[in-house]
């Protein structure tokens, strides 16, 4: 019974992590858009780096549609 509860908790944590990463993805895309609009190369680079990290994490969780 403990194993079943553990599996369910793990699945719930993964779903929560995926939701959080997707919200972070949206935020970072908005940040990138703002940086591109203002032509801020430093912010553009930072946003692209963070987007790549988020993409990698979502791939690891098999959460990409």
PDB file of N, CA and C in Angstrom:
ATOM      1  N   UNK A   1       0.816  -1.193   0.000  1.00  0.00           N
ATOM      2  CA  UNK A   1       0.000   0.000   0.000  1.00  0.00           C
ATOM      3  C   UNK A   1       0.863   1.261   0.000  1.00  0.00           C
ATOM      4  N   UNK A   2       1.962   1.228   0.756  1.00  0.00           N
ATOM      5  CA  UNK A   2       2.863   2.383   0.795  1.00  0.00           C
ATOM      6  C   UNK A   2       3.456   2.675  -0.572  1.00  0.00           C
ATOM      7  N   UNK A   3       3.734   1.616  -1.322  1.00  0.00           N
ATOM      8  CA  UNK A   3       4.300   1.805  -2.654  1.00  0.00           C
ATOM      9  C   UNK A   3       3.319   2.522  -3.570  1.00  0.00           C
ATOM     10  N   UNK A   4       2.057   2.174  -3.464  1.00  0.00           N
ATOM     11  CA  UNK A   4       1.026   2.815  -4.293  1.00  0.00           C
ATOM     12  C   UNK A   4       0.937   4.299  -3.951  1.00  0.00           C
ATOM     13  N   UNK A   5       0.926   4.609  -2.665  1.00  0.00           N
ATOM     14  CA  UNK A   5       0.870   6.011  -2.221  1.00  0.00           C
ATOM     15  C   UNK A   5       2.110   6.761  -2.703  1.00  0.00           C
ATOM     16  N   UNK A   6       3.256   6.121  -2.619  1.00  0.00           N
ATOM     17  CA  UNK A   6       4.502   6.737  -3.067  1.00  0.00           C
ATOM     18  C   UNK A   6       4.444   7.035  -4.575  1.00  0.00           C
ATOM     19  N   UNK A   7       3.946   6.109  -5.350  1.00  0.00           N
ATOM     20  CA  UNK A   7       3.843   6.295  -6.801  1.00  0.00           C
ATOM     21  C   UNK A   7       2.887   7.441  -7.127  1.00  0.00           C
ATOM     22  N   UNK A   8       1.772   7.485  -6.439  1.00  0.00           N
ATOM     23  CA  UNK A   8       0.794   8.554  -6.678  1.00  0.00           C
ATOM     24  C   UNK A   8       1.391   9.910  -6.317  1.00  0.00           C
ATOM     25  N   UNK A   9       2.083   9.987  -5.198  1.00  0.00           N
ATOM     26  CA  UNK A   9       2.722  11.247  -4.803  1.00  0.00           C
ATOM     27  C   UNK A   9       3.763  11.681  -5.816  1.00  0.00           C
ATOM     28  N   UNK A  10       4.532  10.721  -6.309  1.00  0.00           N
ATOM     29  CA  UNK A  10       5.560  11.039  -7.296  1.00  0.00           C
ATOM     30  C   UNK A  10       4.925  11.584  -8.578  1.00  0.00           C
ATOM     31  N   UNK A  11       3.839  10.972  -9.019  1.00  0.00           N
ATOM     32  CA  UNK A  11       3.133  11.448 -10.209  1.00  0.00           C
ATOM     33  C   UNK A  11       2.575  12.845  -9.996  1.00  0.00           C
ATOM     34  N   UNK A  12       2.022  13.095  -8.818  1.00  0.00           N
ATOM     35  CA  UNK A  12       1.489  14.425  -8.503  1.00  0.00           C
ATOM     36  C   UNK A  12       2.595  15.478  -8.506  1.00  0.00           C
ATOM     37  N   UNK A  13       3.738  15.140  -7.953  1.00  0.00           N
ATOM     38  CA  UNK A  13       4.862  16.070  -7.938  1.00  0.00           C
ATOM     39  C   UNK A  13       5.355  16.365  -9.353  1.00  0.00           C
ATOM     40  N   UNK A  14       5.396  15.345 -10.198  1.00  0.00           N
ATOM     41  CA  UNK A  14       5.821  15.542 -11.581  1.00  0.00           C
ATOM     42  C   UNK A  14       4.839  16.433 -12.328  1.00  0.00           C
ATOM     43  N   UNK A  15       3.543  16.214 -12.122  1.00  0.00           N
ATOM     44  CA  UNK A  15       2.531  17.052 -12.774  1.00  0.00           C
ATOM     45  C   UNK A  15       2.657  18.503 -12.322  1.00  0.00           C
ATOM     46  N   UNK A  16       2.899  18.707 -11.036  1.00  0.00           N
ATOM     47  CA  UNK A  16       3.067  20.062 -10.509  1.00  0.00           C
ATOM     48  C   UNK A  16       4.318  20.711 -11.095  1.00  0.00           C
ATOM     49  N   UNK A  17       5.388  19.957 -11.208  1.00  0.00           N
ATOM     50  CA  UNK A  17       6.635  20.461 -11.795  1.00  0.00           C
ATOM     51  C   UNK A  17       6.412  20.856 -13.253  1.00  0.00           C
ATOM     52  N   UNK A  18       5.668  20.054 -13.988  1.00  0.00           N
ATOM     53  CA  UNK A  18       5.379  20.358 -15.387  1.00  0.00           C
ATOM     54  C   UNK A  18       4.562  21.638 -15.490  1.00  0.00           C
ATOM     55  N   UNK A  19       3.538  21.780 -14.649  1.00  0.00           N
ATOM     56  CA  UNK A  19       2.724  23.004 -14.667  1.00  0.00           C
ATOM     57  C   UNK A  19       3.581  24.235 -14.364  1.00  0.00           C
ATOM     58  N   UNK A  20       4.459  24.103 -13.390  1.00  0.00           N
ATOM     59  CA  UNK A  20       5.334  25.215 -13.017  1.00  0.00           C
ATOM     60  C   UNK A  20       6.276  25.575 -14.161  1.00  0.00           C
ATOM     61  N   UNK A  21       6.845  24.571 -14.799  1.00  0.00           N
ATOM     62  CA  UNK A  21       7.759  24.825 -15.913  1.00  0.00           C
ATOM     63  C   UNK A  21       7.037  25.478 -17.088  1.00  0.00           C
ATOM     64  N   UNK A  22       5.806  25.077 -17.349  1.00  0.00           N
ATOM     65  CA  UNK A  22       5.056  25.678 -18.448  1.00  0.00           C
ATOM     66  C   UNK A  22       4.710  27.141 -18.157  1.00  0.00           C
ATOM     67  N   UNK A  23       4.411  27.450 -16.899  1.00  0.00           N
ATOM     68  CA  UNK A  23       4.173  28.853 -16.532  1.00  0.00           C
ATOM     69  C   UNK A  23       5.468  29.655 -16.662  1.00  0.00           C
ATOM     70  N   UNK A  24       6.570  29.052 -16.245  1.00  0.00           N
ATOM     71  CA  UNK A  24       7.868  29.698 -16.372  1.00  0.00           C
ATOM     72  C   UNK A  24       8.223  29.918 -17.842  1.00  0.00           C
ATOM     73  N   UNK A  25       7.868  28.962 -18.670  1.00  0.00           N
ATOM     74  CA  UNK A  25       8.103  29.078 -20.110  1.00  0.00           C
ATOM     75  C   UNK A  25       7.352  30.275 -20.676  1.00  0.00           C
ATOM     76  N   UNK A  26       6.081  30.417 -20.323  1.00  0.00           N
ATOM     77  CA  UNK A  26       5.290  31.557 -20.782  1.00  0.00           C
ATOM     78  C   UNK A  26       5.905  32.878 -20.330  1.00  0.00           C
ATOM     79  N   UNK A  27       6.297  32.929 -19.072  1.00  0.00           N
ATOM     80  CA  UNK A  27       6.900  34.148 -18.529  1.00  0.00           C
ATOM     81  C   UNK A  27       8.192  34.482 -19.274  1.00  0.00           C
ATOM     82  N   UNK A  28       9.009  33.478 -19.497  1.00  0.00           N
ATOM     83  CA  UNK A  28      10.300  33.720 -20.158  1.00  0.00           C
ATOM     84  C   UNK A  28      10.107  34.131 -21.613  1.00  0.00           C
ATOM     85  N   UNK A  29       9.089  33.601 -22.262  1.00  0.00           N
ATOM     86  CA  UNK A  29       8.797  34.041 -23.632  1.00  0.00           C
ATOM     87  C   UNK A  29       8.379  35.507 -23.656  1.00  0.00           C
ATOM     88  N   UNK A  30       7.602  35.925 -22.674  1.00  0.00           N
ATOM     89  CA  UNK A  30       7.211  37.332 -22.573  1.00  0.00           C
ATOM     90  C   UNK A  30       8.435  38.211 -22.302  1.00  0.00           C
ATOM     91  N   UNK A  31       9.321  37.712 -21.460  1.00  0.00           N
ATOM     92  CA  UNK A  31      10.559  38.443 -21.170  1.00  0.00           C
ATOM     93  C   UNK A  31      11.414  38.574 -22.420  1.00  0.00           C
ATOM     94  N   UNK A  32      11.503  37.507 -23.189  1.00  0.00           N
ATOM     95  CA  UNK A  32      12.264  37.538 -24.440  1.00  0.00           C
ATOM     96  C   UNK A  32      11.652  38.536 -25.412  1.00  0.00           C
ATOM     97  N   UNK A  33      10.330  38.541 -25.519  1.00  0.00           N
ATOM     98  CA  UNK A  33       9.666  39.490 -26.411  1.00  0.00           C
ATOM     99  C   UNK A  33       9.991  40.929 -26.008  1.00  0.00           C
ATOM    100  N   UNK A  34       9.909  41.216 -24.715  1.00  0.00           N
ATOM    101  CA  UNK A  34      10.226  42.562 -24.229  1.00  0.00           C
ATOM    102  C   UNK A  34      11.672  42.932 -24.528  1.00  0.00           C
ATOM    103  N   UNK A  35      12.571  41.980 -24.327  1.00  0.00           N
ATOM    104  CA  UNK A  35      13.991  42.234 -24.592  1.00  0.00           C
ATOM    105  C   UNK A  35      14.238  42.481 -26.072  1.00  0.00           C
ATOM    106  N   UNK A  36      13.543  41.727 -26.918  1.00  0.00           N
ATOM    107  CA  UNK A  36      13.699  41.921 -28.359  1.00  0.00           C
ATOM    108  C   UNK A  36      13.120  43.263 -28.789  1.00  0.00           C
ATOM    109  N   UNK A  37      12.011  43.641 -28.197  1.00  0.00           N
ATOM    110  CA  UNK A  37      11.383  44.921 -28.522  1.00  0.00           C
ATOM    111  C   UNK A  37      12.294  46.085 -28.143  1.00  0.00           C
ATOM    112  N   UNK A  38      12.952  45.967 -27.005  1.00  0.00           N
ATOM    113  CA  UNK A  38      13.848  47.037 -26.554  1.00  0.00           C
ATOM    114  C   UNK A  38      15.284  46.859 -27.056  1.00  0.00           C
ATOM    115  N   UNK A  39      15.522  45.799 -27.813  1.00  0.00           N
ATOM    116  CA  UNK A  39      16.830  45.496 -28.403  1.00  0.00           C
ATOM    117  C   UNK A  39      17.931  45.391 -27.345  1.00  0.00           C
ATOM    118  N   UNK A  40      17.587  44.716 -26.260  1.00  0.00           N
ATOM    119  CA  UNK A  40      18.524  44.501 -25.160  1.00  0.00           C
ATOM    120  C   UNK A  40      19.188  43.135 -25.351  1.00  0.00           C
ATOM    121  N   UNK A  41      20.372  43.155 -25.944  1.00  0.00           N
ATOM    122  CA  UNK A  41      21.066  41.906 -26.289  1.00  0.00           C
ATOM    123  C   UNK A  41      21.395  41.040 -25.072  1.00  0.00           C
ATOM    124  N   UNK A  42      21.715  41.673 -23.954  1.00  0.00           N
ATOM    125  CA  UNK A  42      22.049  40.914 -22.747  1.00  0.00           C
ATOM    126  C   UNK A  42      20.825  40.140 -22.255  1.00  0.00           C
ATOM    127  N   UNK A  43      19.668  40.792 -22.207  1.00  0.00           N
ATOM    128  CA  UNK A  43      18.433  40.133 -21.781  1.00  0.00           C
ATOM    129  C   UNK A  43      17.990  39.070 -22.787  1.00  0.00           C
ATOM    130  N   UNK A  44      18.181  39.329 -24.058  1.00  0.00           N
ATOM    131  CA  UNK A  44      17.826  38.350 -25.092  1.00  0.00           C
ATOM    132  C   UNK A  44      18.617  37.070 -24.876  1.00  0.00           C
ATOM    133  N   UNK A  45      19.904  37.227 -24.665  1.00  0.00           N
ATOM    134  CA  UNK A  45      20.772  36.063 -24.450  1.00  0.00           C
ATOM    135  C   UNK A  45      20.376  35.299 -23.189  1.00  0.00           C
ATOM    136  N   UNK A  46      20.105  36.030 -22.112  1.00  0.00           N
ATOM    137  CA  UNK A  46      19.724  35.385 -20.852  1.00  0.00           C
ATOM    138  C   UNK A  46      18.402  34.640 -21.012  1.00  0.00           C
ATOM    139  N   UNK A  47      17.450  35.239 -21.707  1.00  0.00           N
ATOM    140  CA  UNK A  47      16.151  34.589 -21.911  1.00  0.00           C
ATOM    141  C   UNK A  47      16.289  33.332 -22.762  1.00  0.00           C
ATOM    142  N   UNK A  48      17.084  33.412 -23.801  1.00  0.00           N
ATOM    143  CA  UNK A  48      17.284  32.244 -24.664  1.00  0.00           C
ATOM    144  C   UNK A  48      17.934  31.092 -23.883  1.00  0.00           C
ATOM    145  N   UNK A  49      18.883  31.429 -23.031  1.00  0.00           N
ATOM    146  CA  UNK A  49      19.539  30.415 -22.208  1.00  0.00           C
ATOM    147  C   UNK A  49      18.533  29.753 -21.280  1.00  0.00           C
ATOM    148  N   UNK A  50      17.716  30.559 -20.606  1.00  0.00           N
ATOM    149  CA  UNK A  50      16.721  30.012 -19.676  1.00  0.00           C
ATOM    150  C   UNK A  50      15.675  29.199 -20.424  1.00  0.00           C
ATOM    151  N   UNK A  51      15.273  29.647 -21.605  1.00  0.00           N
ATOM    152  CA  UNK A  51      14.309  28.887 -22.405  1.00  0.00           C
ATOM    153  C   UNK A  51      14.875  27.521 -22.782  1.00  0.00           C
ATOM    154  N   UNK A  52      16.144  27.474 -23.113  1.00  0.00           N
ATOM    155  CA  UNK A  52      16.781  26.193 -23.443  1.00  0.00           C
ATOM    156  C   UNK A  52      16.789  25.270 -22.221  1.00  0.00           C
ATOM    157  N   UNK A  53      17.039  25.835 -21.040  1.00  0.00           N
ATOM    158  CA  UNK A  53      17.031  25.033 -19.816  1.00  0.00           C
ATOM    159  C   UNK A  53      15.636  24.473 -19.539  1.00  0.00           C
ATOM    160  N   UNK A  54      14.629  25.326 -19.681  1.00  0.00           N
ATOM    161  CA  UNK A  54      13.252  24.889 -19.456  1.00  0.00           C
ATOM    162  C   UNK A  54      12.873  23.803 -20.452  1.00  0.00           C
ATOM    163  N   UNK A  55      13.252  23.985 -21.704  1.00  0.00           N
ATOM    164  CA  UNK A  55      12.965  22.993 -22.745  1.00  0.00           C
ATOM    165  C   UNK A  55      13.585  21.647 -22.391  1.00  0.00           C
ATOM    166  N   UNK A  56      14.825  21.670 -21.921  1.00  0.00           N
ATOM    167  CA  UNK A  56      15.513  20.438 -21.544  1.00  0.00           C
ATOM    168  C   UNK A  56      14.786  19.742 -20.391  1.00  0.00           C
ATOM    169  N   UNK A  57      14.382  20.504 -19.397  1.00  0.00           N
ATOM    170  CA  UNK A  57      13.671  19.924 -18.255  1.00  0.00           C
ATOM    171  C   UNK A  57      12.336  19.311 -18.689  1.00  0.00           C
ATOM    172  N   UNK A  58      11.628  19.999 -19.568  1.00  0.00           N
ATOM    173  CA  UNK A  58      10.360  19.460 -20.059  1.00  0.00           C
ATOM    174  C   UNK A  58      10.577  18.190 -20.884  1.00  0.00           C
ATOM    175  N   UNK A  59      11.654  18.152 -21.653  1.00  0.00           N
ATOM    176  CA  UNK A  59      11.975  16.932 -22.405  1.00  0.00           C
ATOM    177  C   UNK A  59      12.241  15.770 -21.463  1.00  0.00           C
ATOM    178  N   UNK A  60      12.979  16.038 -20.394  1.00  0.00           N
ATOM    179  CA  UNK A  60      13.294  14.981 -19.422  1.00  0.00           C
ATOM    180  C   UNK A  60      12.029  14.430 -18.757  1.00  0.00           C
ATOM    181  N   UNK A  61      11.028  15.283 -18.606  1.00  0.00           N
ATOM    182  CA  UNK A  61       9.776  14.857 -17.992  1.00  0.00           C
ATOM    183  C   UNK A  61       8.769  14.354 -19.040  1.00  0.00           C
ATOM    184  N   UNK A  62       9.205  14.283 -20.279  1.00  0.00           N
ATOM    185  CA  UNK A  62       8.333  13.868 -21.387  1.00  0.00           C
ATOM    186  C   UNK A  62       7.038  14.677 -21.415  1.00  0.00           C
ATOM    187  N   UNK A  63       7.177  15.989 -21.270  1.00  0.00           N
ATOM    188  CA  UNK A  63       6.013  16.855 -21.157  1.00  0.00           C
ATOM    189  C   UNK A  63       5.805  17.732 -22.385  1.00  0.00           C
ATOM    190  N   UNK A  64       6.585  17.531 -23.410  1.00  0.00           N
ATOM    191  CA  UNK A  64       6.430  18.341 -24.613  1.00  0.00           C
ATOM    192  C   UNK A  64       5.319  17.757 -25.479  1.00  0.00           C
ATOM    193  N   UNK A  65       4.419  18.619 -25.892  1.00  0.00           N
ATOM    194  CA  UNK A  65       3.292  18.176 -26.732  1.00  0.00           C
ATOM    195  C   UNK A  65       3.676  18.132 -28.184  1.00  0.00           C
TER     196      UNK A  65
END
